[in-house]
Amino acid sequence: MRSRQRFLTAGRSCLFASAALAVIAGSPTAPGAAERPLIDTHIHYSHDAWTQLPPPQAIKVLRKAGLRKAFVSSSNDDGTQKLYKAAPGLIVPVLRPYRRRGEISTWFKDKTVIKMLGGLLAKNTYAGIGELHIYGKDADSEVMRAVVRLAQRYKIFIHLHGDADAVDRVFVQDPGATVLWAHSGFAQPDEVGAMLSKHKRLWSDLAFRTEHASGGSVDPEWRKLFLKFPDRFTVGTDTFAPERWYYVGEHAKWTRGWLKSLPADLADRIAYKNAEALAAWALRKKP
């Protein structure tokens, strides 16, 4: 059984490595004069990714997709630091509270996370804390409350993967918090709109969602939402597993396709200007 598992793991790694190399070596897709710049606000580069796709190759994938910047977090933080060191002008570093995979449902119960985050924030540059998974009343846990205080102290955003209840609880703790809502909470347009109306410092990423657009056009309900909140949406791939790196370029191409169906200024805001402004605020630089 162990031999079979090692074989499967090795095979999976080889397949991913081959696919990644194909992406890098394929026909150029970096944006030309007519292509819209993008900032991907949902990239992970965790330990199982960097062993299969070393930093130079990962940077090539991001650049080949034509990304102006990429918000990167990792489990553990070493992955983020590797990419930030390799391309500081491209990478927007975000601090994840996970030391390894498998801590999604336990990290907020581990009080040692508070010291870890505090130490790294004092040492390195970050635009935010996350992506972190938190739901409902767990957002009132001691560890999550510490995260909110740290974000407040360092004036950075929280990249929160969770439900509307968790988002509400964060803003109760700090009404001045800045939150990037991962996947827009996987909520429907009406709920997303209600949350954006309620919380003026809430942004929503569209990572790992496809129902807002198809066939190069934006869904009517989402279009209304984008027009109502032009400054609050960002795009993202979500490379939650190493194999997802294969889709960074493909996702960028798909995103540029549906953005063309929106008014140019709105499309630019969602494509990169909103993310650029969020990063500039967190890193104290003008966009």
C-alpha atoms as a PDB file:
ATOM      1  CA  MET A   1       0.000   0.000   0.000  1.00  0.00           C
ATOM      2  CA  ARG A   2       2.799   2.454   0.886  1.00  0.00           C
ATOM      3  CA  SER A   3       4.584   1.648  -2.370  1.00  0.00           C
ATOM      4  CA  ARG A   4       1.373   2.280  -4.293  1.00  0.00           C
ATOM      5  CA  GLN A   5       0.881   5.612  -2.509  1.00  0.00           C
ATOM      6  CA  ARG A   6       4.437   6.685  -3.291  1.00  0.00           C
ATOM      7  CA  PHE A   7       3.882   5.716  -6.917  1.00  0.00           C
ATOM      8  CA  LEU A   8       0.639   7.722  -7.108  1.00  0.00           C
ATOM      9  CA  THR A   9       2.239  10.749  -5.440  1.00  0.00           C
ATOM     10  CA  ALA A  10       5.238  10.620  -7.750  1.00  0.00           C
ATOM     11  CA  GLY A  11       2.984  10.235 -10.778  1.00  0.00           C
ATOM     12  CA  ARG A  12       0.859  13.191  -9.683  1.00  0.00           C
ATOM     13  CA  SER A  13       3.995  15.336  -9.264  1.00  0.00           C
ATOM     14  CA  CYS A  14       5.336  14.364 -12.669  1.00  0.00           C
ATOM     15  CA  LEU A  15       2.033  15.151 -14.361  1.00  0.00           C
ATOM     16  CA  PHE A  16       1.894  18.559 -12.691  1.00  0.00           C
ATOM     17  CA  ALA A  17       5.524  19.336 -13.548  1.00  0.00           C
ATOM     18  CA  SER A  18       4.957  18.362 -17.177  1.00  0.00           C
ATOM     19  CA  ALA A  19       1.819  20.492 -17.398  1.00  0.00           C
ATOM     20  CA  ALA A  20       3.545  23.481 -15.804  1.00  0.00           C
ATOM     21  CA  LEU A  21       6.493  23.226 -18.172  1.00  0.00           C
ATOM     22  CA  ALA A  22       4.070  23.065 -21.090  1.00  0.00           C
ATOM     23  CA  VAL A  23       2.428  26.277 -19.893  1.00  0.00           C
ATOM     24  CA  ILE A  24       5.793  28.028 -19.636  1.00  0.00           C
ATOM     25  CA  ALA A  25       7.084  26.764 -22.962  1.00  0.00           C
ATOM     26  CA  GLY A  26       3.855  27.258 -24.917  1.00  0.00           C
ATOM     27  CA  SER A  27       2.945  30.088 -27.221  1.00  0.00           C
ATOM     28  CA  PRO A  28       3.324  33.535 -25.611  1.00  0.00           C
ATOM     29  CA  THR A  29       0.224  34.911 -23.899  1.00  0.00           C
ATOM     30  CA  ALA A  30       1.629  38.022 -22.231  1.00  0.00           C
ATOM     31  CA  PRO A  31      -0.693  40.925 -22.991  1.00  0.00           C
ATOM     32  CA  GLY A  32      -0.055  42.989 -26.054  1.00  0.00           C
ATOM     33  CA  ALA A  33      -1.179  46.537 -26.681  1.00  0.00           C
ATOM     34  CA  ALA A  34      -4.809  45.491 -27.088  1.00  0.00           C
ATOM     35  CA  GLU A  35      -4.974  43.211 -24.044  1.00  0.00           C
ATOM     36  CA  ARG A  36      -6.126  44.381 -20.641  1.00  0.00           C
ATOM     37  CA  PRO A  37      -3.739  44.159 -17.649  1.00  0.00           C
ATOM     38  CA  LEU A  38      -4.862  41.964 -14.766  1.00  0.00           C
ATOM     39  CA  ILE A  39      -4.075  41.671 -11.079  1.00  0.00           C
ATOM     40  CA  ASP A  40      -4.818  38.231  -9.657  1.00  0.00           C
ATOM     41  CA  THR A  41      -5.781  38.632  -5.987  1.00  0.00           C
ATOM     42  CA  HIS A  42      -5.982  34.937  -5.134  1.00  0.00           C
ATOM     43  CA  ILE A  43      -2.761  32.983  -5.665  1.00  0.00           C
ATOM     44  CA  HIS A  44      -1.349  30.364  -3.278  1.00  0.00           C
ATOM     45  CA  TYR A  45       2.189  28.992  -3.442  1.00  0.00           C
ATOM     46  CA  SER A  46       2.299  26.392  -0.677  1.00  0.00           C
ATOM     47  CA  HIS A  47       4.969  23.805   0.131  1.00  0.00           C
ATOM     48  CA  ASP A  48       3.635  21.196  -2.282  1.00  0.00           C
ATOM     49  CA  ALA A  49       3.694  23.764  -5.102  1.00  0.00           C
ATOM     50  CA  TRP A  50       7.180  25.156  -4.643  1.00  0.00           C
ATOM     51  CA  THR A  51       8.721  21.672  -4.583  1.00  0.00           C
ATOM     52  CA  GLN A  52       7.168  20.957  -7.986  1.00  0.00           C
ATOM     53  CA  LEU A  53       7.307  24.440  -9.508  1.00  0.00           C
ATOM     54  CA  PRO A  54      10.410  26.328  -8.318  1.00  0.00           C
ATOM     55  CA  PRO A  55      10.157  30.118  -7.939  1.00  0.00           C
ATOM     56  CA  PRO A  56      11.710  31.026 -11.312  1.00  0.00           C
ATOM     57  CA  GLN A  57       9.177  28.831 -13.110  1.00  0.00           C
ATOM     58  CA  ALA A  58       6.270  30.098 -10.988  1.00  0.00           C
ATOM     59  CA  ILE A  59       7.195  33.699 -11.807  1.00  0.00           C
ATOM     60  CA  LYS A  60       7.297  32.802 -15.497  1.00  0.00           C
ATOM     61  CA  VAL A  61       3.767  31.388 -15.248  1.00  0.00           C
ATOM     62  CA  LEU A  62       2.496  34.621 -13.682  1.00  0.00           C
ATOM     63  CA  ARG A  63       4.277  36.850 -16.183  1.00  0.00           C
ATOM     64  CA  LYS A  64       3.214  34.722 -19.141  1.00  0.00           C
ATOM     65  CA  ALA A  65      -0.400  35.194 -18.033  1.00  0.00           C
ATOM     66  CA  GLY A  66       0.174  38.930 -18.370  1.00  0.00           C
ATOM     67  CA  LEU A  67      -0.410  39.702 -14.701  1.00  0.00           C
ATOM     68  CA  ARG A  68       0.536  43.167 -13.522  1.00  0.00           C
ATOM     69  CA  LYS A  69       0.632  41.865  -9.940  1.00  0.00           C
ATOM     70  CA  ALA A  70      -0.369  38.782  -7.962  1.00  0.00           C
ATOM     71  CA  PHE A  71      -1.558  38.664  -4.351  1.00  0.00           C
ATOM     72  CA  VAL A  72       0.254  35.597  -2.976  1.00  0.00           C
ATOM     73  CA  SER A  73      -0.157  33.657   0.273  1.00  0.00           C
ATOM     74  CA  SER A  74       1.126  30.232   1.204  1.00  0.00           C
ATOM     75  CA  SER A  75       1.162  27.412   3.734  1.00  0.00           C
ATOM     76  CA  ASN A  76       3.652  28.027   5.224  1.00  0.00           C
ATOM     77  CA  ASP A  77       4.804  31.582   4.604  1.00  0.00           C
ATOM     78  CA  ASP A  78       8.095  30.442   3.052  1.00  0.00           C
ATOM     79  CA  GLY A  79       6.427  30.130  -0.343  1.00  0.00           C
ATOM     80  CA  THR A  80       5.262  33.733  -0.307  1.00  0.00           C
ATOM     81  CA  GLN A  81       8.715  34.910   0.720  1.00  0.00           C
ATOM     82  CA  LYS A  82      10.373  32.898  -2.054  1.00  0.00           C
ATOM     83  CA  LEU A  83       8.234  34.540  -4.732  1.00  0.00           C
ATOM     84  CA  TYR A  84       8.433  38.009  -3.184  1.00  0.00           C
ATOM     85  CA  LYS A  85      12.211  37.781  -3.113  1.00  0.00           C
ATOM     86  CA  ALA A  86      12.289  36.628  -6.727  1.00  0.00           C
ATOM     87  CA  ALA A  87       9.943  39.338  -8.044  1.00  0.00           C
ATOM     88  CA  PRO A  88       9.100  42.074  -5.505  1.00  0.00           C
ATOM     89  CA  GLY A  89       7.533  44.255  -8.183  1.00  0.00           C
ATOM     90  CA  LEU A  90       5.124  41.510  -9.186  1.00  0.00           C
ATOM     91  CA  ILE A  91       4.198  39.887  -5.861  1.00  0.00           C
ATOM     92  CA  VAL A  92       1.898  41.419  -3.251  1.00  0.00           C
ATOM     93  CA  PRO A  93       2.683  39.359  -0.115  1.00  0.00           C
ATOM     94  CA  VAL A  94      -0.194  38.207   2.092  1.00  0.00           C
ATOM     95  CA  LEU A  95       0.324  36.297   5.347  1.00  0.00           C
ATOM     96  CA  ARG A  96      -1.585  33.055   5.805  1.00  0.00           C
ATOM     97  CA  PRO A  97      -2.121  31.738   9.377  1.00  0.00           C
ATOM     98  CA  TYR A  98      -1.378  28.151   8.309  1.00  0.00           C
ATOM     99  CA  ARG A  99       1.907  26.364   8.863  1.00  0.00           C
ATOM    100  CA  ARG A 100       0.902  23.494   6.600  1.00  0.00           C
ATOM    101  CA  ARG A 101      -2.066  22.089   4.722  1.00  0.00           C
ATOM    102  CA  GLY A 102      -4.864  20.608   6.779  1.00  0.00           C
ATOM    103  CA  GLU A 103      -5.222  23.503   9.238  1.00  0.00           C
ATOM    104  CA  ILE A 104      -8.233  25.133   7.600  1.00  0.00           C
ATOM    105  CA  SER A 105     -10.632  24.040  10.352  1.00  0.00           C
ATOM    106  CA  THR A 106      -8.236  24.136  13.314  1.00  0.00           C
ATOM    107  CA  TRP A 107      -6.007  27.214  12.997  1.00  0.00           C
ATOM    108  CA  PHE A 108      -8.367  29.489  14.952  1.00  0.00           C
ATOM    109  CA  LYS A 109      -8.216  27.088  17.918  1.00  0.00           C
ATOM    110  CA  ASP A 110      -4.400  27.213  18.074  1.00  0.00           C
ATOM    111  CA  LYS A 111      -3.257  30.126  20.237  1.00  0.00           C
ATOM    112  CA  THR A 112       0.345  29.765  19.059  1.00  0.00           C
ATOM    113  CA  VAL A 113      -0.831  31.186  15.725  1.00  0.00           C
ATOM    114  CA  ILE A 114      -1.094  34.625  17.366  1.00  0.00           C
ATOM    115  CA  LYS A 115       2.602  34.710  18.226  1.00  0.00           C
ATOM    116  CA  MET A 116       3.571  33.345  14.821  1.00  0.00           C
ATOM    117  CA  LEU A 117       1.614  36.019  12.972  1.00  0.00           C
ATOM    118  CA  GLY A 118       2.882  38.784  15.221  1.00  0.00           C
ATOM    119  CA  GLY A 119       6.479  37.744  14.703  1.00  0.00           C
ATOM    120  CA  LEU A 120       6.184  37.558  10.924  1.00  0.00           C
ATOM    121  CA  LEU A 121       4.322  40.864  10.650  1.00  0.00           C
ATOM    122  CA  ALA A 122       7.071  42.563  12.636  1.00  0.00           C
ATOM    123  CA  LYS A 123       9.723  41.029  10.400  1.00  0.00           C
ATOM    124  CA  ASN A 124       8.348  41.123   6.851  1.00  0.00           C
ATOM    125  CA  THR A 125       6.208  43.236   4.546  1.00  0.00           C
ATOM    126  CA  TYR A 126       2.589  42.176   4.009  1.00  0.00           C
ATOM    127  CA  ALA A 127      -0.485  43.751   2.449  1.00  0.00           C
ATOM    128  CA  GLY A 128      -2.896  41.507   4.313  1.00  0.00           C
ATOM    129  CA  ILE A 129      -3.572  38.477   6.502  1.00  0.00           C
ATOM    130  CA  GLY A 130      -5.164  35.474   4.780  1.00  0.00           C
ATOM    131  CA  GLU A 131      -6.547  33.770   2.956  1.00  0.00           C
ATOM    132  CA  LEU A 132      -8.045  32.371   6.142  1.00  0.00           C
ATOM    133  CA  HIS A 133     -11.113  30.175   6.586  1.00  0.00           C
ATOM    134  CA  ILE A 134     -13.583  31.204   9.268  1.00  0.00           C
ATOM    135  CA  TYR A 135     -17.334  30.795   9.644  1.00  0.00           C
ATOM    136  CA  GLY A 136     -20.047  32.179  11.901  1.00  0.00           C
ATOM    137  CA  LYS A 137     -19.331  32.430  15.614  1.00  0.00           C
ATOM    138  CA  ASP A 138     -15.798  31.090  15.142  1.00  0.00           C
ATOM    139  CA  ALA A 139     -14.978  34.618  13.998  1.00  0.00           C
ATOM    140  CA  ASP A 140     -15.331  35.611  17.657  1.00  0.00           C
ATOM    141  CA  SER A 141     -12.643  33.159  18.790  1.00  0.00           C
ATOM    142  CA  GLU A 142      -9.608  34.486  20.650  1.00  0.00           C
ATOM    143  CA  VAL A 143      -7.285  33.764  17.723  1.00  0.00           C
ATOM    144  CA  MET A 144      -9.501  35.424  15.129  1.00  0.00           C
ATOM    145  CA  ARG A 145      -9.950  38.450  17.372  1.00  0.00           C
ATOM    146  CA  ALA A 146      -6.161  38.690  17.537  1.00  0.00           C
ATOM    147  CA  VAL A 147      -6.023  38.594  13.725  1.00  0.00           C
ATOM    148  CA  VAL A 148      -8.457  41.521  13.562  1.00  0.00           C
ATOM    149  CA  ARG A 149      -6.337  43.473  16.053  1.00  0.00           C
ATOM    150  CA  LEU A 150      -3.147  42.734  14.107  1.00  0.00           C
ATOM    151  CA  ALA A 151      -4.742  43.860  10.842  1.00  0.00           C
ATOM    152  CA  GLN A 152      -5.906  47.023  12.598  1.00  0.00           C
ATOM    153  CA  ARG A 153      -2.457  47.654  14.076  1.00  0.00           C
ATOM    154  CA  TYR A 154      -0.596  47.180  10.790  1.00  0.00           C
ATOM    155  CA  LYS A 155      -3.350  48.788   8.695  1.00  0.00           C
ATOM    156  CA  ILE A 156      -3.647  45.852   6.321  1.00  0.00           C
ATOM    157  CA  PHE A 157      -6.609  43.907   4.966  1.00  0.00           C
ATOM    158  CA  ILE A 158      -8.015  40.514   5.967  1.00  0.00           C
ATOM    159  CA  HIS A 159      -8.550  38.035   3.132  1.00  0.00           C
ATOM    160  CA  LEU A 160     -11.479  36.126   4.558  1.00  0.00           C
ATOM    161  CA  HIS A 161     -12.941  32.887   3.218  1.00  0.00           C
ATOM    162  CA  GLY A 162     -16.199  32.499   5.078  1.00  0.00           C
ATOM    163  CA  ASP A 163     -19.872  33.294   5.325  1.00  0.00           C
ATOM    164  CA  ALA A 164     -21.608  36.642   5.705  1.00  0.00           C
ATOM    165  CA  ASP A 165     -21.995  36.047   9.443  1.00  0.00           C
ATOM    166  CA  ALA A 166     -18.222  35.825   9.900  1.00  0.00           C
ATOM    167  CA  VAL A 167     -17.706  38.994   7.867  1.00  0.00           C
ATOM    168  CA  ASP A 168     -20.293  40.830   9.972  1.00  0.00           C
ATOM    169  CA  ARG A 169     -18.561  39.720  13.178  1.00  0.00           C
ATOM    170  CA  VAL A 170     -15.216  41.052  11.979  1.00  0.00           C
ATOM    171  CA  PHE A 171     -16.741  44.464  11.344  1.00  0.00           C
ATOM    172  CA  VAL A 172     -18.363  44.427  14.776  1.00  0.00           C
ATOM    173  CA  GLN A 173     -14.909  43.915  16.276  1.00  0.00           C
ATOM    174  CA  ASP A 174     -13.394  46.646  14.107  1.00  0.00           C
ATOM    175  CA  PRO A 175     -15.827  48.849  12.155  1.00  0.00           C
ATOM    176  CA  GLY A 176     -12.833  50.315  10.322  1.00  0.00           C
ATOM    177  CA  ALA A 177     -11.495  46.957   9.152  1.00  0.00           C
ATOM    178  CA  THR A 178     -10.704  46.294   5.505  1.00  0.00           C
ATOM    179  CA  VAL A 179     -11.799  42.866   4.265  1.00  0.00           C
ATOM    180  CA  LEU A 180     -11.309  41.122   0.940  1.00  0.00           C
ATOM    181  CA  TRP A 181     -14.101  38.530   0.812  1.00  0.00           C
ATOM    182  CA  ALA A 182     -12.699  35.427  -0.848  1.00  0.00           C
ATOM    183  CA  HIS A 183     -14.935  34.030  -3.614  1.00  0.00           C
ATOM    184  CA  SER A 184     -17.467  36.725  -2.663  1.00  0.00           C
ATOM    185  CA  GLY A 185     -18.502  34.207  -0.022  1.00  0.00           C
ATOM    186  CA  PHE A 186     -19.848  31.908  -2.763  1.00  0.00           C
ATOM    187  CA  ALA A 187     -22.987  33.964  -2.198  1.00  0.00           C
ATOM    188  CA  GLN A 188     -25.644  34.981  -4.703  1.00  0.00           C
ATOM    189  CA  PRO A 189     -25.572  38.499  -6.194  1.00  0.00           C
ATOM    190  CA  ASP A 190     -28.325  39.827  -3.932  1.00  0.00           C
ATOM    191  CA  GLU A 191     -26.485  38.740  -0.772  1.00  0.00           C
ATOM    192  CA  VAL A 192     -23.159  40.042  -2.053  1.00  0.00           C
ATOM    193  CA  GLY A 193     -24.814  43.365  -2.833  1.00  0.00           C
ATOM    194  CA  ALA A 194     -26.370  43.564   0.617  1.00  0.00           C
ATOM    195  CA  MET A 195     -22.990  42.959   2.247  1.00  0.00           C
ATOM    196  CA  LEU A 196     -21.229  45.542   0.090  1.00  0.00           C
ATOM    197  CA  SER A 197     -23.934  48.077   0.963  1.00  0.00           C
ATOM    198  CA  LYS A 198     -23.575  47.327   4.663  1.00  0.00           C
ATOM    199  CA  HIS A 199     -19.767  47.408   4.831  1.00  0.00           C
ATOM    200  CA  LYS A 200     -17.989  50.212   2.983  1.00  0.00           C
ATOM    201  CA  ARG A 201     -14.539  48.638   3.485  1.00  0.00           C
ATOM    202  CA  LEU A 202     -15.516  45.252   2.079  1.00  0.00           C
ATOM    203  CA  TRP A 203     -14.074  44.088  -1.250  1.00  0.00           C
ATOM    204  CA  SER A 204     -15.088  40.881  -3.050  1.00  0.00           C
ATOM    205  CA  ASP A 205     -12.870  38.621  -5.117  1.00  0.00           C
ATOM    206  CA  LEU A 206     -14.331  36.447  -7.868  1.00  0.00           C
ATOM    207  CA  ALA A 207     -11.837  33.598  -7.562  1.00  0.00           C
ATOM    208  CA  PHE A 208     -12.997  30.077  -8.412  1.00  0.00           C
ATOM    209  CA  ARG A 209     -16.369  31.351  -9.607  1.00  0.00           C
ATOM    210  CA  THR A 210     -17.763  31.104 -13.108  1.00  0.00           C
ATOM    211  CA  GLU A 211     -21.494  31.776 -12.807  1.00  0.00           C
ATOM    212  CA  HIS A 212     -20.987  35.531 -13.191  1.00  0.00           C
ATOM    213  CA  ALA A 213     -19.995  35.117 -16.842  1.00  0.00           C
ATOM    214  CA  SER A 214     -20.289  32.699 -19.751  1.00  0.00           C
ATOM    215  CA  GLY A 215     -19.729  32.861 -23.473  1.00  0.00           C
ATOM    216  CA  GLY A 216     -17.777  36.079 -23.083  1.00  0.00           C
ATOM    217  CA  SER A 217     -20.685  37.919 -21.454  1.00  0.00           C
ATOM    218  CA  VAL A 218     -21.514  38.877 -17.877  1.00  0.00           C
ATOM    219  CA  ASP A 219     -24.678  37.531 -16.254  1.00  0.00           C
ATOM    220  CA  PRO A 220     -27.313  40.322 -16.013  1.00  0.00           C
ATOM    221  CA  GLU A 221     -27.609  40.156 -12.207  1.00  0.00           C
ATOM    222  CA  TRP A 222     -23.856  40.286 -11.746  1.00  0.00           C
ATOM    223  CA  ARG A 223     -23.608  43.085 -14.288  1.00  0.00           C
ATOM    224  CA  LYS A 224     -26.006  45.167 -12.194  1.00  0.00           C
ATOM    225  CA  LEU A 225     -23.887  44.432  -9.143  1.00  0.00           C
ATOM    226  CA  PHE A 226     -20.645  45.402 -10.881  1.00  0.00           C
ATOM    227  CA  LEU A 227     -22.210  48.658 -12.072  1.00  0.00           C
ATOM    228  CA  LYS A 228     -23.504  49.463  -8.585  1.00  0.00           C
ATOM    229  CA  PHE A 229     -20.175  48.709  -6.882  1.00  0.00           C
ATOM    230  CA  PRO A 230     -17.522  49.427  -9.528  1.00  0.00           C
ATOM    231  CA  ASP A 231     -14.722  49.884  -6.969  1.00  0.00           C
ATOM    232  CA  ARG A 232     -15.249  46.726  -4.931  1.00  0.00           C
ATOM    233  CA  PHE A 233     -14.556  43.662  -7.100  1.00  0.00           C
ATOM    234  CA  THR A 234     -11.303  41.909  -7.994  1.00  0.00           C
ATOM    235  CA  VAL A 235     -10.436  38.797 -10.000  1.00  0.00           C
ATOM    236  CA  GLY A 236      -8.457  35.733  -8.984  1.00  0.00           C
ATOM    237  CA  THR A 237      -7.576  32.167  -9.941  1.00  0.00           C
ATOM    238  CA  ASP A 238      -7.172  30.429  -6.542  1.00  0.00           C
ATOM    239  CA  THR A 239      -4.257  28.026  -6.913  1.00  0.00           C
ATOM    240  CA  PHE A 240      -5.398  26.026  -3.862  1.00  0.00           C
ATOM    241  CA  ALA A 241      -3.633  22.919  -5.209  1.00  0.00           C
ATOM    242  CA  PRO A 242      -0.415  22.712  -7.232  1.00  0.00           C
ATOM    243  CA  GLU A 243      -2.325  21.601 -10.338  1.00  0.00           C
ATOM    244  CA  ARG A 244      -4.263  24.875 -10.295  1.00  0.00           C
ATOM    245  CA  TRP A 245      -1.121  26.702 -11.425  1.00  0.00           C
ATOM    246  CA  TYR A 246      -1.771  25.152 -14.818  1.00  0.00           C
ATOM    247  CA  TYR A 247      -4.918  27.320 -15.096  1.00  0.00           C
ATOM    248  CA  VAL A 248      -3.424  30.717 -14.271  1.00  0.00           C
ATOM    249  CA  GLY A 249      -2.939  31.646 -17.920  1.00  0.00           C
ATOM    250  CA  GLU A 250      -6.186  30.025 -19.023  1.00  0.00           C
ATOM    251  CA  HIS A 251      -8.106  31.861 -16.303  1.00  0.00           C
ATOM    252  CA  ALA A 252      -6.535  35.164 -17.309  1.00  0.00           C
ATOM    253  CA  LYS A 253      -7.626  34.618 -20.917  1.00  0.00           C
ATOM    254  CA  TRP A 254     -11.179  33.735 -19.834  1.00  0.00           C
ATOM    255  CA  THR A 255     -11.342  36.779 -17.545  1.00  0.00           C
ATOM    256  CA  ARG A 256     -10.242  39.162 -20.296  1.00  0.00           C
ATOM    257  CA  GLY A 257     -12.972  37.668 -22.459  1.00  0.00           C
ATOM    258  CA  TRP A 258     -15.910  38.490 -20.192  1.00  0.00           C
ATOM    259  CA  LEU A 259     -14.470  41.818 -19.105  1.00  0.00           C
ATOM    260  CA  LYS A 260     -14.779  42.997 -22.724  1.00  0.00           C
ATOM    261  CA  SER A 261     -18.569  42.894 -22.354  1.00  0.00           C
ATOM    262  CA  LEU A 262     -18.434  45.620 -19.691  1.00  0.00           C
ATOM    263  CA  PRO A 263     -17.855  49.363 -20.146  1.00  0.00           C
ATOM    264  CA  ALA A 264     -14.113  49.930 -20.484  1.00  0.00           C
ATOM    265  CA  ASP A 265     -13.659  51.911 -17.269  1.00  0.00           C
ATOM    266  CA  LEU A 266     -15.590  49.349 -15.222  1.00  0.00           C
ATOM    267  CA  ALA A 267     -13.675  46.488 -16.822  1.00  0.00           C
ATOM    268  CA  ASP A 268     -10.367  48.149 -15.954  1.00  0.00           C
ATOM    269  CA  ARG A 269     -11.440  48.608 -12.345  1.00  0.00           C
ATOM    270  CA  ILE A 270     -12.335  44.949 -11.916  1.00  0.00           C
ATOM    271  CA  ALA A 271      -9.335  43.757 -13.914  1.00  0.00           C
ATOM    272  CA  TYR A 272      -6.665  45.598 -11.979  1.00  0.00           C
ATOM    273  CA  LYS A 273      -7.443  49.098 -10.693  1.00  0.00           C
ATOM    274  CA  ASN A 274      -9.425  48.007  -7.621  1.00  0.00           C
ATOM    275  CA  ALA A 275      -6.738  45.519  -6.599  1.00  0.00           C
ATOM    276  CA  GLU A 276      -4.046  48.090  -7.333  1.00  0.00           C
ATOM    277  CA  ALA A 277      -5.738  50.581  -5.035  1.00  0.00           C
ATOM    278  CA  LEU A 278      -6.154  47.981  -2.275  1.00  0.00           C
ATOM    279  CA  ALA A 279      -2.494  46.984  -2.464  1.00  0.00           C
ATOM    280  CA  ALA A 280      -1.398  50.617  -2.563  1.00  0.00           C
ATOM    281  CA  TRP A 281      -3.410  51.393   0.562  1.00  0.00           C
ATOM    282  CA  ALA A 282      -1.982  48.398   2.428  1.00  0.00           C
ATOM    283  CA  LEU A 283       1.586  48.976   1.278  1.00  0.00           C
ATOM    284  CA  ARG A 284       1.340  52.783   1.550  1.00  0.00           C
ATOM    285  CA  LYS A 285       2.070  53.436  -2.098  1.00  0.00           C
ATOM    286  CA  LYS A 286       0.090  55.405  -4.644  1.00  0.00           C
ATOM    287  CA  PRO A 287      -1.430  53.244  -7.415  1.00  0.00           C
END
